[in-house]
Amino acid sequence: MVGRRKLMAVFLSGMICVMACCGAPALADTQRVRAKIGILVKSGERTSTARSREILKAGDSLRIYVHPEKALYLYLVHTDGKKVQLLNMTAQKLESSTLVLPSVQAFYKVDGVSPYERFTIICSPHELPELSAMVSKDFSPAKWQEVENELSKNSKIDLAVNDEAPFAIAGNVRGGLDNQNTDPVVSNLQIFSGNGVLVKQYEFQIKK
């Protein structure tokens, strides 16, 4: 028994040493969902890249860019606290393709009726029935908040694992731009990651 205990102690010491030296294992590639995401804000003649929380004013315009690392399902949900809309549900089967919403020629307009506007971008390798159901069902803001919170909780990754290798923008932009990505916003998109599903929110305070 003593010999076995000593052997076990040596084994555990070795395992602790390996974990201390190498760190925790990184999230498996099959679990990590990554996409380059950004929003272009147009205010009068001025354009800029949106931050997650920003003050906009009535009359401003928004255009959303999503470039997934791999083929996936993309959902775009909008709420202003009064109503909830599924603005887009796309099976993005083309890898290395940038999706521009509503299109490369159009913008979402800020009407200034509500005090805030929130856009939630959800990327998943599988169809999400709870979001697909929004096509035929009316979601209250409270119901959407519940679904959104659950998705956000499940998507969180270990921030201590820092293995975010960049991936290139390649291929085409869906909606009219050529494969040279002539839109400067596309080449400067930021990478976001999620565990199994990626949830990225942009909430804007509206100034009348």
N, C-alpha and C. Protein backbone atom coordinates (compact mmCIF):
# COMPACT_ATOMS: atom_id res chain seq x y z
N MET A 1 0.83 -1.21 0.00
CA MET A 1 0.00 0.00 0.00
C MET A 1 0.86 1.25 0.00
N VAL A 2 1.95 1.24 0.80
CA VAL A 2 2.83 2.41 0.86
C VAL A 2 3.44 2.68 -0.51
N GLY A 3 3.88 1.58 -1.16
CA GLY A 3 4.49 1.74 -2.48
C GLY A 3 3.51 2.33 -3.48
N ARG A 4 2.25 1.89 -3.43
CA ARG A 4 1.25 2.43 -4.34
C ARG A 4 0.96 3.89 -4.07
N ARG A 5 0.94 4.24 -2.77
CA ARG A 5 0.70 5.64 -2.42
C ARG A 5 1.81 6.53 -2.92
N LYS A 6 3.04 6.05 -2.79
CA LYS A 6 4.17 6.84 -3.27
C LYS A 6 4.09 7.00 -4.79
N LEU A 7 3.74 5.90 -5.47
CA LEU A 7 3.63 5.94 -6.92
C LEU A 7 2.53 6.91 -7.35
N MET A 8 1.40 6.87 -6.63
CA MET A 8 0.30 7.77 -6.94
C MET A 8 0.69 9.22 -6.69
N ALA A 9 1.43 9.46 -5.60
CA ALA A 9 1.87 10.83 -5.29
C ALA A 9 2.77 11.36 -6.37
N VAL A 10 3.69 10.51 -6.85
CA VAL A 10 4.60 10.93 -7.92
C VAL A 10 3.81 11.24 -9.20
N PHE A 11 2.82 10.38 -9.49
CA PHE A 11 1.99 10.57 -10.68
C PHE A 11 1.21 11.89 -10.62
N LEU A 12 0.60 12.15 -9.43
CA LEU A 12 -0.17 13.39 -9.28
C LEU A 12 0.73 14.60 -9.35
N SER A 13 1.93 14.51 -8.77
CA SER A 13 2.87 15.63 -8.83
C SER A 13 3.24 15.93 -10.27
N GLY A 14 3.43 14.86 -11.04
CA GLY A 14 3.77 15.05 -12.45
C GLY A 14 2.63 15.71 -13.20
N MET A 15 1.40 15.30 -12.92
CA MET A 15 0.24 15.87 -13.59
C MET A 15 0.08 17.34 -13.24
N ILE A 16 0.28 17.68 -11.96
CA ILE A 16 0.17 19.08 -11.53
C ILE A 16 1.23 19.92 -12.22
N CYS A 17 2.43 19.35 -12.34
CA CYS A 17 3.52 20.07 -12.99
C CYS A 17 3.19 20.34 -14.45
N VAL A 18 2.63 19.33 -15.14
CA VAL A 18 2.27 19.49 -16.55
C VAL A 18 1.21 20.56 -16.72
N MET A 19 0.19 20.55 -15.83
CA MET A 19 -0.89 21.53 -15.92
C MET A 19 -0.38 22.92 -15.62
N ALA A 20 0.54 23.03 -14.65
CA ALA A 20 1.08 24.34 -14.29
C ALA A 20 1.93 24.90 -15.42
N CYS A 21 2.68 24.01 -16.08
CA CYS A 21 3.58 24.46 -17.13
C CYS A 21 2.84 24.76 -18.43
N CYS A 22 1.86 23.92 -18.74
CA CYS A 22 1.19 24.04 -20.03
C CYS A 22 -0.09 24.85 -19.97
N GLY A 23 -0.66 25.00 -18.77
CA GLY A 23 -1.91 25.73 -18.65
C GLY A 23 -3.09 24.85 -18.99
N ALA A 24 -4.30 25.40 -18.85
CA ALA A 24 -5.51 24.64 -19.14
C ALA A 24 -5.63 24.44 -20.64
N PRO A 25 -6.23 23.32 -21.07
CA PRO A 25 -6.37 23.08 -22.50
C PRO A 25 -7.27 24.12 -23.13
N ALA A 26 -6.93 24.52 -24.35
CA ALA A 26 -7.72 25.52 -25.06
C ALA A 26 -9.05 24.93 -25.49
N LEU A 27 -10.03 25.79 -25.70
CA LEU A 27 -11.33 25.36 -26.16
C LEU A 27 -11.20 24.70 -27.52
N ALA A 28 -11.81 23.56 -27.69
CA ALA A 28 -11.69 22.82 -28.95
C ALA A 28 -12.22 23.67 -30.10
N ASP A 29 -11.58 23.54 -31.27
CA ASP A 29 -11.98 24.31 -32.43
C ASP A 29 -13.43 24.04 -32.81
N THR A 30 -13.90 22.80 -32.58
CA THR A 30 -15.26 22.45 -32.93
C THR A 30 -16.28 23.17 -32.05
N GLN A 31 -15.85 23.64 -30.86
CA GLN A 31 -16.76 24.35 -29.96
C GLN A 31 -16.74 25.84 -30.19
N ARG A 32 -15.63 26.36 -30.61
CA ARG A 32 -15.49 27.80 -30.74
C ARG A 32 -16.11 28.30 -32.04
N VAL A 33 -16.99 29.29 -31.94
CA VAL A 33 -17.60 29.93 -33.10
C VAL A 33 -17.01 31.32 -33.21
N ARG A 34 -16.44 31.63 -34.36
CA ARG A 34 -15.78 32.93 -34.54
C ARG A 34 -16.30 33.63 -35.79
N ALA A 35 -16.37 34.94 -35.68
CA ALA A 35 -16.78 35.75 -36.83
C ALA A 35 -16.22 37.15 -36.65
N LYS A 36 -15.95 37.79 -37.78
CA LYS A 36 -15.58 39.20 -37.77
C LYS A 36 -16.86 40.01 -37.95
N ILE A 37 -17.08 40.95 -37.03
CA ILE A 37 -18.35 41.68 -36.99
C ILE A 37 -18.07 43.17 -36.83
N GLY A 38 -18.89 43.97 -37.46
CA GLY A 38 -18.77 45.42 -37.29
C GLY A 38 -20.01 46.12 -37.80
N ILE A 39 -20.20 47.36 -37.35
CA ILE A 39 -21.34 48.18 -37.80
C ILE A 39 -20.81 49.52 -38.27
N LEU A 40 -21.23 49.90 -39.46
CA LEU A 40 -20.91 51.22 -40.00
C LEU A 40 -22.03 52.19 -39.63
N VAL A 41 -21.66 53.32 -39.04
CA VAL A 41 -22.64 54.36 -38.68
C VAL A 41 -22.47 55.53 -39.64
N LYS A 42 -23.54 55.96 -40.22
CA LYS A 42 -23.53 57.12 -41.12
C LYS A 42 -24.37 58.22 -40.50
N SER A 43 -23.72 59.32 -40.19
CA SER A 43 -24.40 60.46 -39.59
C SER A 43 -24.13 61.68 -40.46
N GLY A 44 -25.12 62.05 -41.27
CA GLY A 44 -24.89 63.10 -42.25
C GLY A 44 -23.89 62.62 -43.28
N GLU A 45 -22.80 63.37 -43.45
CA GLU A 45 -21.73 62.96 -44.38
C GLU A 45 -20.63 62.19 -43.68
N ARG A 46 -20.71 62.07 -42.37
CA ARG A 46 -19.66 61.40 -41.60
C ARG A 46 -19.98 59.93 -41.41
N THR A 47 -18.97 59.09 -41.58
CA THR A 47 -19.12 57.66 -41.32
C THR A 47 -18.08 57.21 -40.29
N SER A 48 -18.44 56.22 -39.48
CA SER A 48 -17.52 55.71 -38.46
C SER A 48 -17.92 54.29 -38.11
N THR A 49 -17.01 53.58 -37.43
CA THR A 49 -17.30 52.22 -36.96
C THR A 49 -17.92 52.30 -35.58
N ALA A 50 -19.03 51.63 -35.38
CA ALA A 50 -19.77 51.71 -34.11
C ALA A 50 -19.08 50.96 -33.00
N ARG A 51 -19.20 51.48 -31.78
CA ARG A 51 -18.81 50.76 -30.58
C ARG A 51 -20.05 50.04 -30.05
N SER A 52 -19.82 49.12 -29.08
CA SER A 52 -20.94 48.33 -28.56
C SER A 52 -22.01 49.20 -27.92
N ARG A 53 -21.59 50.29 -27.29
CA ARG A 53 -22.53 51.24 -26.71
C ARG A 53 -22.17 52.63 -27.21
N GLU A 54 -23.10 53.27 -27.86
CA GLU A 54 -22.82 54.55 -28.48
C GLU A 54 -24.09 55.38 -28.52
N ILE A 55 -23.94 56.68 -28.57
CA ILE A 55 -25.09 57.57 -28.67
C ILE A 55 -25.29 57.94 -30.13
N LEU A 56 -26.49 57.68 -30.64
CA LEU A 56 -26.86 58.06 -31.99
C LEU A 56 -27.99 59.07 -31.93
N LYS A 57 -28.29 59.65 -33.07
CA LYS A 57 -29.42 60.58 -33.11
C LYS A 57 -30.36 60.21 -34.23
N ALA A 58 -31.58 60.68 -34.13
CA ALA A 58 -32.58 60.39 -35.15
C ALA A 58 -32.06 60.81 -36.51
N GLY A 59 -32.25 59.95 -37.48
CA GLY A 59 -31.78 60.24 -38.83
C GLY A 59 -30.48 59.54 -39.18
N ASP A 60 -29.75 59.04 -38.17
CA ASP A 60 -28.52 58.29 -38.44
C ASP A 60 -28.87 56.95 -39.09
N SER A 61 -27.87 56.37 -39.76
CA SER A 61 -28.08 55.11 -40.47
C SER A 61 -27.04 54.08 -40.04
N LEU A 62 -27.42 52.80 -40.14
CA LEU A 62 -26.53 51.71 -39.72
C LEU A 62 -26.46 50.65 -40.81
N ARG A 63 -25.26 50.08 -40.96
CA ARG A 63 -25.07 48.94 -41.86
C ARG A 63 -24.23 47.91 -41.12
N ILE A 64 -24.66 46.65 -41.12
CA ILE A 64 -24.03 45.59 -40.32
C ILE A 64 -23.26 44.63 -41.22
N TYR A 65 -22.04 44.27 -40.76
CA TYR A 65 -21.16 43.37 -41.50
C TYR A 65 -20.85 42.14 -40.64
N VAL A 66 -20.99 40.96 -41.22
CA VAL A 66 -20.65 39.72 -40.51
C VAL A 66 -19.84 38.82 -41.46
N HIS A 67 -18.64 38.46 -41.02
CA HIS A 67 -17.79 37.57 -41.82
C HIS A 67 -17.41 36.37 -40.97
N PRO A 68 -18.14 35.25 -41.08
CA PRO A 68 -17.86 34.07 -40.25
C PRO A 68 -16.60 33.35 -40.71
N GLU A 69 -15.96 32.70 -39.75
CA GLU A 69 -14.78 31.90 -40.08
C GLU A 69 -15.18 30.65 -40.85
N LYS A 70 -16.35 30.08 -40.49
CA LYS A 70 -16.85 28.87 -41.14
C LYS A 70 -18.32 29.06 -41.47
N ALA A 71 -18.85 28.16 -42.28
CA ALA A 71 -20.26 28.22 -42.63
C ALA A 71 -21.12 28.09 -41.37
N LEU A 72 -22.20 28.88 -41.28
CA LEU A 72 -23.04 28.85 -40.08
C LEU A 72 -24.40 29.46 -40.36
N TYR A 73 -25.23 29.45 -39.32
CA TYR A 73 -26.52 30.14 -39.35
C TYR A 73 -26.34 31.50 -38.71
N LEU A 74 -26.89 32.52 -39.36
CA LEU A 74 -26.77 33.88 -38.86
C LEU A 74 -28.15 34.45 -38.60
N TYR A 75 -28.35 34.97 -37.39
CA TYR A 75 -29.60 35.61 -37.01
C TYR A 75 -29.32 37.05 -36.58
N LEU A 76 -30.19 37.95 -36.97
CA LEU A 76 -30.09 39.34 -36.54
C LEU A 76 -31.43 39.75 -35.94
N VAL A 77 -31.41 40.10 -34.65
CA VAL A 77 -32.63 40.47 -33.93
C VAL A 77 -32.52 41.91 -33.48
N HIS A 78 -33.59 42.66 -33.65
CA HIS A 78 -33.63 44.07 -33.24
C HIS A 78 -34.76 44.28 -32.24
N THR A 79 -34.48 45.09 -31.24
CA THR A 79 -35.53 45.50 -30.30
C THR A 79 -35.31 46.95 -29.88
N ASP A 80 -36.40 47.64 -29.65
CA ASP A 80 -36.33 49.01 -29.13
C ASP A 80 -37.04 49.11 -27.79
N GLY A 81 -37.29 47.96 -27.16
CA GLY A 81 -37.98 47.93 -25.88
C GLY A 81 -39.49 47.84 -25.99
N LYS A 82 -40.00 48.13 -27.19
CA LYS A 82 -41.45 48.07 -27.41
C LYS A 82 -41.83 46.85 -28.25
N LYS A 83 -40.99 46.53 -29.21
CA LYS A 83 -41.25 45.37 -30.07
C LYS A 83 -39.93 44.69 -30.42
N VAL A 84 -40.05 43.46 -30.88
CA VAL A 84 -38.89 42.65 -31.25
C VAL A 84 -39.06 42.20 -32.69
N GLN A 85 -38.01 42.29 -33.49
CA GLN A 85 -38.06 41.89 -34.89
C GLN A 85 -36.88 40.98 -35.23
N LEU A 86 -37.15 39.90 -35.92
CA LEU A 86 -36.09 39.08 -36.51
C LEU A 86 -35.83 39.68 -37.89
N LEU A 87 -34.75 40.45 -38.00
CA LEU A 87 -34.47 41.15 -39.25
C LEU A 87 -33.84 40.24 -40.29
N ASN A 88 -33.16 39.21 -39.84
CA ASN A 88 -32.49 38.32 -40.79
C ASN A 88 -32.32 36.93 -40.20
N MET A 89 -32.51 35.91 -41.04
CA MET A 89 -32.19 34.54 -40.69
C MET A 89 -31.60 33.90 -41.94
N THR A 90 -30.31 33.66 -41.92
CA THR A 90 -29.60 33.20 -43.11
C THR A 90 -28.76 31.97 -42.79
N ALA A 91 -28.83 30.98 -43.65
CA ALA A 91 -27.89 29.85 -43.57
C ALA A 91 -26.69 30.24 -44.43
N GLN A 92 -25.66 30.76 -43.78
CA GLN A 92 -24.47 31.26 -44.48
C GLN A 92 -23.60 30.06 -44.85
N LYS A 93 -23.90 29.44 -45.98
CA LYS A 93 -23.20 28.21 -46.37
C LYS A 93 -21.88 28.48 -47.08
N LEU A 94 -21.68 29.72 -47.53
CA LEU A 94 -20.44 30.05 -48.21
C LEU A 94 -19.39 30.48 -47.19
N GLU A 95 -18.33 29.72 -47.06
CA GLU A 95 -17.25 30.12 -46.17
C GLU A 95 -16.49 31.30 -46.77
N SER A 96 -15.87 32.09 -45.90
CA SER A 96 -15.10 33.26 -46.35
C SER A 96 -15.97 34.20 -47.17
N SER A 97 -17.18 34.43 -46.70
CA SER A 97 -18.08 35.34 -47.38
C SER A 97 -18.63 36.34 -46.36
N THR A 98 -18.59 37.61 -46.71
CA THR A 98 -19.08 38.65 -45.80
C THR A 98 -20.52 38.98 -46.13
N LEU A 99 -21.36 38.90 -45.12
CA LEU A 99 -22.77 39.26 -45.29
C LEU A 99 -22.97 40.69 -44.82
N VAL A 100 -23.60 41.51 -45.66
CA VAL A 100 -23.84 42.92 -45.34
C VAL A 100 -25.34 43.11 -45.21
N LEU A 101 -25.78 43.68 -44.07
CA LEU A 101 -27.20 43.86 -43.79
C LEU A 101 -27.52 45.33 -43.54
N PRO A 102 -28.62 45.87 -44.12
CA PRO A 102 -29.57 45.15 -44.97
C PRO A 102 -29.02 44.82 -46.35
N SER A 103 -28.07 45.62 -46.89
CA SER A 103 -27.36 45.33 -48.14
C SER A 103 -26.24 46.35 -48.28
N VAL A 104 -25.41 46.18 -49.30
CA VAL A 104 -24.31 47.13 -49.50
C VAL A 104 -24.81 48.46 -50.06
N GLN A 105 -26.07 48.51 -50.49
CA GLN A 105 -26.63 49.76 -50.99
C GLN A 105 -27.57 50.43 -49.99
N ALA A 106 -27.99 49.71 -48.93
CA ALA A 106 -29.02 50.22 -48.03
C ALA A 106 -28.52 50.30 -46.59
N PHE A 107 -29.31 50.99 -45.75
CA PHE A 107 -29.01 51.15 -44.33
C PHE A 107 -30.27 50.90 -43.52
N TYR A 108 -30.08 50.55 -42.23
CA TYR A 108 -31.15 50.62 -41.26
C TYR A 108 -31.20 52.06 -40.74
N LYS A 109 -32.39 52.63 -40.72
CA LYS A 109 -32.55 54.02 -40.31
C LYS A 109 -32.97 54.13 -38.84
N VAL A 110 -32.40 55.08 -38.13
CA VAL A 110 -32.77 55.37 -36.75
C VAL A 110 -33.88 56.41 -36.78
N ASP A 111 -35.09 56.03 -36.33
CA ASP A 111 -36.22 56.96 -36.43
C ASP A 111 -36.34 57.87 -35.22
N GLY A 112 -35.68 57.53 -34.12
CA GLY A 112 -35.70 58.40 -32.94
C GLY A 112 -36.94 58.29 -32.10
N VAL A 113 -37.83 57.34 -32.43
CA VAL A 113 -39.08 57.18 -31.67
C VAL A 113 -38.81 56.58 -30.29
N SER A 114 -37.84 55.66 -30.21
CA SER A 114 -37.54 54.98 -28.95
C SER A 114 -36.22 55.49 -28.37
N PRO A 115 -36.03 55.38 -27.05
CA PRO A 115 -34.81 55.89 -26.42
C PRO A 115 -33.57 55.05 -26.68
N TYR A 116 -33.76 53.81 -27.15
CA TYR A 116 -32.60 52.98 -27.48
C TYR A 116 -32.95 51.99 -28.57
N GLU A 117 -31.92 51.51 -29.24
CA GLU A 117 -32.05 50.47 -30.26
C GLU A 117 -30.98 49.42 -29.97
N ARG A 118 -31.37 48.15 -29.95
CA ARG A 118 -30.38 47.10 -29.71
C ARG A 118 -30.44 46.06 -30.83
N PHE A 119 -29.27 45.80 -31.41
CA PHE A 119 -29.12 44.78 -32.44
C PHE A 119 -28.31 43.63 -31.86
N THR A 120 -28.83 42.42 -31.97
CA THR A 120 -28.13 41.24 -31.48
C THR A 120 -27.83 40.32 -32.66
N ILE A 121 -26.55 40.03 -32.85
CA ILE A 121 -26.09 39.16 -33.93
C ILE A 121 -25.75 37.81 -33.32
N ILE A 122 -26.38 36.75 -33.82
CA ILE A 122 -26.16 35.40 -33.31
C ILE A 122 -25.64 34.52 -34.44
N CYS A 123 -24.51 33.88 -34.21
CA CYS A 123 -23.92 32.96 -35.18
C CYS A 123 -23.86 31.58 -34.55
N SER A 124 -24.33 30.58 -35.29
CA SER A 124 -24.37 29.22 -34.76
C SER A 124 -24.09 28.22 -35.88
N PRO A 125 -23.35 27.14 -35.59
CA PRO A 125 -23.13 26.11 -36.62
C PRO A 125 -24.38 25.28 -36.88
N HIS A 126 -25.38 25.41 -36.00
CA HIS A 126 -26.64 24.66 -36.14
C HIS A 126 -27.81 25.63 -36.08
N GLU A 127 -28.91 25.23 -36.68
CA GLU A 127 -30.12 26.06 -36.61
C GLU A 127 -30.60 26.13 -35.17
N LEU A 128 -31.06 27.30 -34.75
CA LEU A 128 -31.57 27.51 -33.40
C LEU A 128 -33.09 27.62 -33.45
N PRO A 129 -33.81 26.57 -33.05
CA PRO A 129 -35.27 26.56 -33.16
C PRO A 129 -35.94 27.72 -32.43
N GLU A 130 -35.36 28.12 -31.29
CA GLU A 130 -35.97 29.20 -30.52
C GLU A 130 -35.94 30.53 -31.27
N LEU A 131 -34.98 30.68 -32.20
CA LEU A 131 -34.93 31.89 -33.02
C LEU A 131 -35.70 31.73 -34.31
N SER A 132 -35.62 30.54 -34.91
CA SER A 132 -36.39 30.29 -36.13
C SER A 132 -37.88 30.46 -35.88
N ALA A 133 -38.33 30.18 -34.65
CA ALA A 133 -39.75 30.31 -34.30
C ALA A 133 -40.23 31.75 -34.35
N MET A 134 -39.28 32.70 -34.32
CA MET A 134 -39.67 34.11 -34.33
C MET A 134 -40.28 34.52 -35.65
N VAL A 135 -40.09 33.72 -36.70
CA VAL A 135 -40.68 34.03 -38.00
C VAL A 135 -42.20 33.99 -37.92
N SER A 136 -42.73 33.02 -37.19
CA SER A 136 -44.18 32.83 -37.13
C SER A 136 -44.82 33.25 -35.81
N LYS A 137 -44.00 33.61 -34.83
CA LYS A 137 -44.53 33.98 -33.52
C LYS A 137 -44.10 35.39 -33.14
N ASP A 138 -44.97 36.07 -32.42
CA ASP A 138 -44.63 37.39 -31.90
C ASP A 138 -43.92 37.23 -30.56
N PHE A 139 -42.71 37.77 -30.47
CA PHE A 139 -41.95 37.74 -29.23
C PHE A 139 -42.11 39.07 -28.52
N SER A 140 -42.47 39.03 -27.25
CA SER A 140 -42.49 40.26 -26.46
C SER A 140 -41.05 40.60 -26.08
N PRO A 141 -40.76 41.86 -25.77
CA PRO A 141 -39.41 42.22 -25.32
C PRO A 141 -38.95 41.40 -24.12
N ALA A 142 -39.88 41.09 -23.20
CA ALA A 142 -39.53 40.29 -22.03
C ALA A 142 -39.14 38.87 -22.43
N LYS A 143 -39.89 38.28 -23.36
CA LYS A 143 -39.59 36.93 -23.83
C LYS A 143 -38.24 36.91 -24.56
N TRP A 144 -38.01 37.91 -25.40
CA TRP A 144 -36.73 37.96 -26.12
C TRP A 144 -35.57 38.14 -25.15
N GLN A 145 -35.76 38.96 -24.12
CA GLN A 145 -34.70 39.16 -23.13
C GLN A 145 -34.32 37.85 -22.47
N GLU A 146 -35.32 37.04 -22.20
CA GLU A 146 -35.08 35.73 -21.58
C GLU A 146 -34.27 34.83 -22.52
N VAL A 147 -34.66 34.76 -23.79
CA VAL A 147 -33.95 33.94 -24.77
C VAL A 147 -32.53 34.46 -24.99
N GLU A 148 -32.41 35.77 -25.12
CA GLU A 148 -31.10 36.40 -25.35
C GLU A 148 -30.14 36.15 -24.19
N ASN A 149 -30.64 36.28 -22.97
CA ASN A 149 -29.79 36.05 -21.80
C ASN A 149 -29.30 34.61 -21.74
N GLU A 150 -30.16 33.68 -22.09
CA GLU A 150 -29.77 32.26 -22.07
C GLU A 150 -28.71 31.98 -23.13
N LEU A 151 -28.89 32.53 -24.32
CA LEU A 151 -27.90 32.35 -25.39
C LEU A 151 -26.56 32.98 -25.00
N SER A 152 -26.61 34.17 -24.42
CA SER A 152 -25.39 34.87 -24.02
C SER A 152 -24.64 34.09 -22.94
N LYS A 153 -25.39 33.53 -22.00
CA LYS A 153 -24.77 32.75 -20.92
C LYS A 153 -24.08 31.52 -21.47
N ASN A 154 -24.72 30.85 -22.41
CA ASN A 154 -24.15 29.63 -22.98
C ASN A 154 -22.97 29.90 -23.88
N SER A 155 -22.89 31.10 -24.43
CA SER A 155 -21.84 31.40 -25.41
C SER A 155 -20.52 31.84 -24.78
N LYS A 156 -20.53 32.11 -23.48
CA LYS A 156 -19.32 32.67 -22.85
C LYS A 156 -18.18 31.67 -22.90
N ILE A 157 -16.97 32.20 -23.18
CA ILE A 157 -15.77 31.37 -23.21
C ILE A 157 -14.84 31.79 -22.07
N ASP A 158 -13.86 30.95 -21.79
CA ASP A 158 -12.88 31.23 -20.74
C ASP A 158 -11.95 32.33 -21.22
N LEU A 159 -12.07 33.52 -20.62
CA LEU A 159 -11.25 34.65 -21.06
C LEU A 159 -9.78 34.45 -20.76
N ALA A 160 -9.46 33.47 -19.88
CA ALA A 160 -8.06 33.20 -19.57
C ALA A 160 -7.36 32.46 -20.71
N VAL A 161 -8.16 31.86 -21.59
CA VAL A 161 -7.59 31.15 -22.74
C VAL A 161 -7.42 32.15 -23.86
N ASN A 162 -6.19 32.50 -24.16
CA ASN A 162 -5.90 33.51 -25.16
C ASN A 162 -5.26 32.86 -26.38
N ASP A 163 -6.08 32.30 -27.24
CA ASP A 163 -5.56 31.64 -28.43
C ASP A 163 -6.28 32.13 -29.68
N GLU A 164 -6.61 33.43 -29.68
CA GLU A 164 -7.36 34.01 -30.79
C GLU A 164 -6.45 34.28 -31.98
N ALA A 165 -6.15 33.26 -32.74
CA ALA A 165 -5.37 33.45 -33.96
C ALA A 165 -6.24 34.17 -34.98
N PRO A 166 -5.69 35.14 -35.69
CA PRO A 166 -6.49 35.86 -36.68
C PRO A 166 -6.83 34.97 -37.86
N PHE A 167 -7.89 35.31 -38.57
CA PHE A 167 -8.19 34.62 -39.82
C PHE A 167 -8.48 35.68 -40.88
N ALA A 168 -8.13 35.33 -42.10
CA ALA A 168 -8.13 36.33 -43.17
C ALA A 168 -9.52 36.56 -43.73
N ILE A 169 -9.75 37.77 -44.20
CA ILE A 169 -10.92 38.08 -45.00
C ILE A 169 -10.61 37.65 -46.42
N ALA A 170 -11.38 36.71 -46.91
CA ALA A 170 -11.18 36.23 -48.27
C ALA A 170 -12.53 35.97 -48.89
N GLY A 171 -12.57 35.75 -50.17
CA GLY A 171 -13.83 35.47 -50.82
C GLY A 171 -14.60 36.73 -51.14
N ASN A 172 -15.91 36.63 -51.19
CA ASN A 172 -16.71 37.74 -51.68
C ASN A 172 -17.57 38.36 -50.60
N VAL A 173 -18.13 39.50 -50.92
CA VAL A 173 -19.06 40.19 -50.03
C VAL A 173 -20.45 40.02 -50.62
N ARG A 174 -21.34 39.36 -49.89
CA ARG A 174 -22.68 39.12 -50.40
C ARG A 174 -23.47 40.41 -50.46
N GLY A 175 -23.88 40.77 -51.65
CA GLY A 175 -24.69 41.97 -51.79
C GLY A 175 -24.20 42.90 -52.87
N GLY A 176 -23.02 42.62 -53.48
CA GLY A 176 -22.64 43.44 -54.61
C GLY A 176 -21.19 43.84 -54.69
N LEU A 177 -20.44 43.80 -53.57
CA LEU A 177 -19.04 44.20 -53.64
C LEU A 177 -18.22 43.09 -54.28
N ASP A 178 -17.09 43.46 -54.89
CA ASP A 178 -16.27 42.46 -55.56
C ASP A 178 -15.37 41.73 -54.57
N ASN A 179 -14.60 40.74 -55.06
CA ASN A 179 -13.78 39.93 -54.18
C ASN A 179 -12.51 40.64 -53.72
N GLN A 180 -12.35 41.89 -54.09
CA GLN A 180 -11.23 42.68 -53.58
C GLN A 180 -11.61 43.42 -52.30
N ASN A 181 -12.87 43.26 -51.88
CA ASN A 181 -13.36 43.90 -50.64
C ASN A 181 -13.09 45.40 -50.65
N THR A 182 -13.68 46.09 -51.62
CA THR A 182 -13.42 47.50 -51.80
C THR A 182 -13.97 48.36 -50.65
N ASP A 183 -14.88 47.82 -49.87
CA ASP A 183 -15.39 48.55 -48.72
C ASP A 183 -14.35 48.49 -47.61
N PRO A 184 -13.81 49.62 -47.14
CA PRO A 184 -12.76 49.61 -46.12
C PRO A 184 -13.20 49.05 -44.78
N VAL A 185 -14.50 49.05 -44.50
CA VAL A 185 -14.99 48.51 -43.24
C VAL A 185 -14.69 47.02 -43.14
N VAL A 186 -14.80 46.33 -44.27
CA VAL A 186 -14.65 44.87 -44.28
C VAL A 186 -13.27 44.45 -43.79
N SER A 187 -12.24 45.14 -44.23
CA SER A 187 -10.87 44.73 -43.88
C SER A 187 -10.50 45.07 -42.44
N ASN A 188 -11.34 45.84 -41.74
CA ASN A 188 -11.03 46.24 -40.37
C ASN A 188 -12.00 45.68 -39.34
N LEU A 189 -12.70 44.61 -39.71
CA LEU A 189 -13.66 44.02 -38.77
C LEU A 189 -12.93 43.35 -37.61
N GLN A 190 -13.55 43.40 -36.43
CA GLN A 190 -12.97 42.80 -35.22
C GLN A 190 -13.47 41.38 -35.04
N ILE A 191 -12.59 40.50 -34.53
CA ILE A 191 -12.96 39.11 -34.30
C ILE A 191 -13.68 38.96 -32.95
N PHE A 192 -14.80 38.22 -32.96
CA PHE A 192 -15.51 37.88 -31.74
C PHE A 192 -15.70 36.36 -31.70
N SER A 193 -15.73 35.80 -30.48
CA SER A 193 -15.82 34.35 -30.32
C SER A 193 -16.91 33.98 -29.33
N GLY A 194 -17.43 32.77 -29.50
CA GLY A 194 -18.40 32.23 -28.56
C GLY A 194 -18.19 30.74 -28.41
N ASN A 195 -18.70 30.20 -27.32
CA ASN A 195 -18.57 28.77 -27.05
C ASN A 195 -19.81 28.04 -27.56
N GLY A 196 -19.71 27.43 -28.75
CA GLY A 196 -20.84 26.74 -29.34
C GLY A 196 -21.76 27.65 -30.12
N VAL A 197 -21.96 28.88 -29.64
CA VAL A 197 -22.74 29.89 -30.34
C VAL A 197 -22.11 31.25 -30.02
N LEU A 198 -22.14 32.15 -30.98
CA LEU A 198 -21.59 33.50 -30.79
C LEU A 198 -22.73 34.50 -30.71
N VAL A 199 -22.73 35.29 -29.64
CA VAL A 199 -23.75 36.33 -29.46
C VAL A 199 -23.04 37.67 -29.30
N LYS A 200 -23.30 38.60 -30.20
CA LYS A 200 -22.71 39.93 -30.13
C LYS A 200 -23.81 40.97 -30.15
N GLN A 201 -23.81 41.85 -29.14
CA GLN A 201 -24.86 42.85 -29.00
C GLN A 201 -24.31 44.26 -29.20
N TYR A 202 -25.09 45.06 -29.87
CA TYR A 202 -24.81 46.49 -30.00
C TYR A 202 -26.05 47.25 -29.52
N GLU A 203 -25.88 48.05 -28.47
CA GLU A 203 -27.01 48.83 -27.96
C GLU A 203 -26.67 50.31 -28.11
N PHE A 204 -27.60 51.04 -28.72
CA PHE A 204 -27.39 52.45 -28.99
C PHE A 204 -28.41 53.29 -28.24
N GLN A 205 -27.94 54.30 -27.53
CA GLN A 205 -28.82 55.27 -26.91
C GLN A 205 -29.15 56.32 -27.99
N ILE A 206 -30.42 56.70 -28.09
CA ILE A 206 -30.87 57.58 -29.15
C ILE A 206 -31.13 58.99 -28.60
N LYS A 207 -30.46 59.92 -29.23
CA LYS A 207 -30.63 61.33 -28.87
C LYS A 207 -31.48 61.99 -29.94
N LYS A 208 -32.58 62.59 -29.53
CA LYS A 208 -33.48 63.24 -30.51
C LYS A 208 -32.94 64.62 -30.91
